[in-house]
Amino acid sequence: MEKLPTIVIGSTNSKKRDEIESIISDLHVKLLTLNDFDNVPVIDEDGKTFKENAAKKAVSFAKWCNKPVIADDSGLEVEALGNRPGVYSSRYAGEGATDEMRIEKLLTELCKVNDKNRIARFKCAIAFAVPQKLVFVVEAECNGIINKKPSGHNGFGYDPVFYVPEYGKTFAEITPDVKNKISHRAKALTLFRERFVKEALNSYQ
């Protein structure tokens, strides 16, 4: 088999890169991130779904850097909030807001919601594109409950308030190796790896 090409992760988030790398390390590919490039274009994530945003980022960055790109869009959906913040998860408290600020806004909106109605899910869509086309998109989710206060120091984003009943812990309390088996991104990356091995190796011959 020919040597696999370099794949660019369409993100500057170092924690996301580490998470992705740990899950797909067996593919033995060289991974770069957008931090390895200069003058990276800003992609307007104006899609109505995670799938649309992931596909747009993958295709746009693949054309720009002329390399295969894996891009994801993920976020939190809370049933009591009409599935908000959804695709606006990273911008929920405004541009430039910290994780702590986004969590504070979420908990404020849920302050009068009782325990049984704090049902939520993390969703993730991962797209793979080459400079010529979008190859595929996979999607997965992980169900949980929003805690009334943050707990734990692992992970990022909304992890400190996303409680997983099966483990009795938040994503930020679960060890990275466990999270990398049960999270929405882990499940999506497992699907990505399967599709990549079956389909993508021939897509850029």
Protein backbone atom coordinates (compact mmCIF):
# COMPACT_ATOMS: atom_id res chain seq x y z
CA MET A 1 0.00 0.00 0.00
CA GLU A 2 1.24 3.48 -0.83
CA LYS A 3 2.08 5.84 1.99
CA LEU A 4 -1.00 7.65 3.20
CA PRO A 5 -1.06 11.39 2.58
CA THR A 6 -0.86 14.16 5.09
CA ILE A 7 -4.26 15.11 6.47
CA VAL A 8 -5.01 18.59 7.73
CA ILE A 9 -7.33 18.94 10.71
CA GLY A 10 -9.48 21.98 9.94
CA SER A 11 -9.11 23.51 13.39
CA THR A 12 -6.71 25.50 15.56
CA ASN A 13 -7.97 23.88 18.76
CA SER A 14 -5.02 21.94 20.21
CA LYS A 15 -7.21 19.91 22.58
CA LYS A 16 -9.40 18.86 19.65
CA ARG A 17 -6.29 17.88 17.70
CA ASP A 18 -5.03 15.71 20.58
CA GLU A 19 -8.43 14.08 20.88
CA ILE A 20 -8.64 13.33 17.17
CA GLU A 21 -5.05 12.10 16.98
CA SER A 22 -5.50 9.69 19.87
CA ILE A 23 -8.53 8.12 18.22
CA ILE A 24 -7.23 7.77 14.65
CA SER A 25 -3.56 7.17 15.47
CA ASP A 26 -3.77 3.66 14.01
CA LEU A 27 -4.24 5.14 10.53
CA HIS A 28 -0.57 6.13 10.63
CA VAL A 29 -1.06 9.41 8.80
CA LYS A 30 0.77 12.65 9.31
CA LEU A 31 -1.59 15.18 10.87
CA LEU A 32 -1.33 18.93 10.55
CA THR A 33 -3.64 21.62 11.90
CA LEU A 34 -4.46 25.10 10.67
CA ASN A 35 -1.79 26.35 13.08
CA ASP A 36 0.78 24.93 10.65
CA PHE A 37 -0.28 27.40 7.95
CA ASP A 38 -0.12 31.16 7.49
CA ASN A 39 -2.95 33.44 6.39
CA VAL A 40 -5.67 30.88 7.07
CA PRO A 41 -9.00 32.01 5.62
CA VAL A 42 -12.02 32.48 7.89
CA ILE A 43 -14.89 30.19 6.93
CA ASP A 44 -18.36 31.51 7.69
CA GLU A 45 -20.14 28.68 9.50
CA ASP A 46 -23.60 29.65 8.31
CA GLY A 47 -25.07 26.17 7.92
CA LYS A 48 -28.27 25.17 9.68
CA THR A 49 -26.88 21.79 10.71
CA PHE A 50 -23.58 20.41 12.00
CA LYS A 51 -23.31 18.37 8.81
CA GLU A 52 -23.56 21.45 6.59
CA ASN A 53 -20.92 23.33 8.56
CA ALA A 54 -18.50 20.40 8.69
CA ALA A 55 -18.80 19.84 4.95
CA LYS A 56 -18.31 23.51 4.14
CA LYS A 57 -15.17 23.75 6.26
CA ALA A 58 -13.66 20.55 4.89
CA VAL A 59 -14.24 21.50 1.25
CA SER A 60 -13.12 25.11 1.68
CA PHE A 61 -9.91 24.28 3.55
CA ALA A 62 -9.07 21.38 1.20
CA LYS A 63 -9.26 23.67 -1.82
CA TRP A 64 -7.28 26.37 -0.02
CA CYS A 65 -4.35 24.23 1.21
CA ASN A 66 -4.53 21.68 -1.61
CA LYS A 67 -4.47 18.79 0.83
CA PRO A 68 -6.99 16.30 2.25
CA VAL A 69 -8.86 17.84 5.18
CA ILE A 70 -10.88 16.44 8.04
CA ALA A 71 -13.20 19.03 9.59
CA ASP A 72 -15.83 18.68 12.23
CA ASP A 73 -18.67 20.69 13.61
CA SER A 74 -20.04 19.72 16.96
CA GLY A 75 -22.11 21.17 19.70
CA LEU A 76 -24.59 20.78 22.46
CA GLU A 77 -28.35 20.43 22.10
CA VAL A 78 -30.53 20.89 25.19
CA GLU A 79 -34.14 19.76 24.84
CA ALA A 80 -35.55 22.29 27.32
CA LEU A 81 -34.01 25.08 25.24
CA GLY A 82 -35.46 23.90 21.95
CA ASN A 83 -32.18 22.17 21.10
CA ARG A 84 -30.15 25.32 21.62
CA PRO A 85 -27.31 26.20 21.56
CA GLY A 86 -26.89 23.75 18.66
CA VAL A 87 -24.75 25.05 15.80
CA TYR A 88 -24.18 28.20 17.81
CA SER A 89 -22.53 26.31 20.69
CA SER A 90 -19.14 28.00 20.30
CA ARG A 91 -20.74 31.42 19.85
CA TYR A 92 -23.47 31.03 22.43
CA ALA A 93 -22.19 33.81 24.69
CA GLY A 94 -20.92 35.96 21.83
CA GLU A 95 -17.73 36.04 19.76
CA GLY A 96 -14.61 35.73 21.87
CA ALA A 97 -16.41 34.34 24.91
CA THR A 98 -14.59 31.80 27.07
CA ASP A 99 -15.83 28.31 27.90
CA GLU A 100 -16.69 29.57 31.37
CA MET A 101 -18.83 32.36 29.93
CA ARG A 102 -20.72 29.97 27.67
CA ILE A 103 -21.35 27.58 30.55
CA GLU A 104 -22.56 30.43 32.75
CA LYS A 105 -25.05 31.53 30.09
CA LEU A 106 -26.30 27.96 29.65
CA LEU A 107 -26.79 27.41 33.37
CA THR A 108 -28.55 30.75 33.73
CA GLU A 109 -31.06 29.79 31.05
CA LEU A 110 -31.64 26.44 32.75
CA CYS A 111 -31.83 27.76 36.31
CA LYS A 112 -35.58 27.07 36.59
CA VAL A 113 -35.53 23.73 34.77
CA ASN A 114 -35.80 20.68 37.04
CA ASP A 115 -33.44 17.72 36.93
CA LYS A 116 -35.57 15.40 34.80
CA ASN A 117 -35.94 18.00 32.05
CA ARG A 118 -32.25 18.84 31.67
CA ILE A 119 -31.80 16.21 28.96
CA ALA A 120 -29.10 17.04 26.43
CA ARG A 121 -26.94 15.54 23.74
CA PHE A 122 -23.58 16.30 22.21
CA LYS A 123 -23.63 15.90 18.43
CA CYS A 124 -20.73 15.74 16.01
CA ALA A 125 -20.44 15.71 12.24
CA ILE A 126 -17.08 14.96 10.61
CA ALA A 127 -16.43 15.65 6.96
CA PHE A 128 -13.54 14.47 4.83
CA ALA A 129 -12.66 16.31 1.64
CA VAL A 130 -9.90 16.38 -0.94
CA PRO A 131 -9.17 19.46 -3.06
CA GLN A 132 -11.48 18.23 -5.79
CA LYS A 133 -14.55 17.24 -3.78
CA LEU A 134 -16.31 16.30 -0.58
CA VAL A 135 -15.69 12.59 0.00
CA PHE A 136 -18.07 11.82 2.87
CA VAL A 137 -19.66 13.05 6.12
CA VAL A 138 -20.40 10.96 9.22
CA GLU A 139 -22.46 11.89 12.29
CA ALA A 140 -22.81 10.63 15.86
CA GLU A 141 -24.12 11.74 19.25
CA CYS A 142 -23.78 11.14 22.98
CA ASN A 143 -26.67 11.57 25.41
CA GLY A 144 -26.48 13.10 28.87
CA ILE A 145 -27.87 15.62 31.35
CA ILE A 146 -26.83 19.19 32.13
CA ASN A 147 -25.52 19.50 35.68
CA LYS A 148 -26.48 22.49 37.80
CA LYS A 149 -22.83 23.42 38.29
CA PRO A 150 -19.50 22.62 36.60
CA SER A 151 -17.42 19.71 37.84
CA GLY A 152 -14.06 18.36 36.66
CA HIS A 153 -11.00 19.70 34.88
CA ASN A 154 -10.58 17.50 31.81
CA GLY A 155 -11.86 18.25 28.32
CA PHE A 156 -13.08 21.59 27.04
CA GLY A 157 -16.22 23.47 26.06
CA TYR A 158 -19.33 22.33 27.90
CA ASP A 159 -17.67 19.17 29.27
CA PRO A 160 -17.79 20.30 32.95
CA VAL A 161 -21.60 20.42 32.95
CA PHE A 162 -22.36 17.48 30.63
CA TYR A 163 -23.18 14.62 32.98
CA VAL A 164 -23.19 11.02 31.71
CA PRO A 165 -25.51 8.90 33.91
CA GLU A 166 -23.91 5.59 32.92
CA TYR A 167 -20.61 6.73 34.41
CA GLY A 168 -21.91 9.00 37.16
CA LYS A 169 -19.52 11.73 36.02
CA THR A 170 -19.31 14.74 33.75
CA PHE A 171 -17.21 14.67 30.59
CA ALA A 172 -14.68 16.81 32.47
CA GLU A 173 -14.41 14.19 35.25
CA ILE A 174 -14.09 11.19 32.95
CA THR A 175 -10.53 10.29 32.00
CA PRO A 176 -9.50 11.09 28.42
CA ASP A 177 -9.14 7.42 27.49
CA VAL A 178 -12.73 6.72 28.55
CA LYS A 179 -14.07 9.86 26.88
CA ASN A 180 -12.30 8.83 23.69
CA LYS A 181 -14.49 5.74 23.63
CA ILE A 182 -17.92 7.17 24.46
CA SER A 183 -18.01 10.78 23.28
CA HIS A 184 -19.88 12.07 20.23
CA ARG A 185 -16.57 12.88 18.57
CA ALA A 186 -15.14 9.46 19.42
CA LYS A 187 -18.14 7.72 17.88
CA ALA A 188 -18.00 9.94 14.80
CA LEU A 189 -14.26 9.36 14.43
CA THR A 190 -14.80 5.62 14.63
CA LEU A 191 -17.26 5.93 11.74
CA PHE A 192 -14.79 8.23 9.96
CA ARG A 193 -11.99 5.70 10.30
CA GLU A 194 -14.18 2.93 8.88
CA ARG A 195 -15.30 5.04 5.91
CA PHE A 196 -11.77 6.33 5.31
CA VAL A 197 -10.29 2.85 5.08
CA LYS A 198 -13.10 1.58 2.83
CA GLU A 199 -13.60 4.58 0.57
CA ALA A 200 -11.09 7.39 0.86
CA LEU A 201 -7.88 5.60 -0.01
CA ASN A 202 -8.95 5.46 -3.63
CA SER A 203 -10.50 8.92 -3.81
CA TYR A 204 -7.27 10.82 -4.38
CA GLN A 205 -5.21 8.29 -6.36
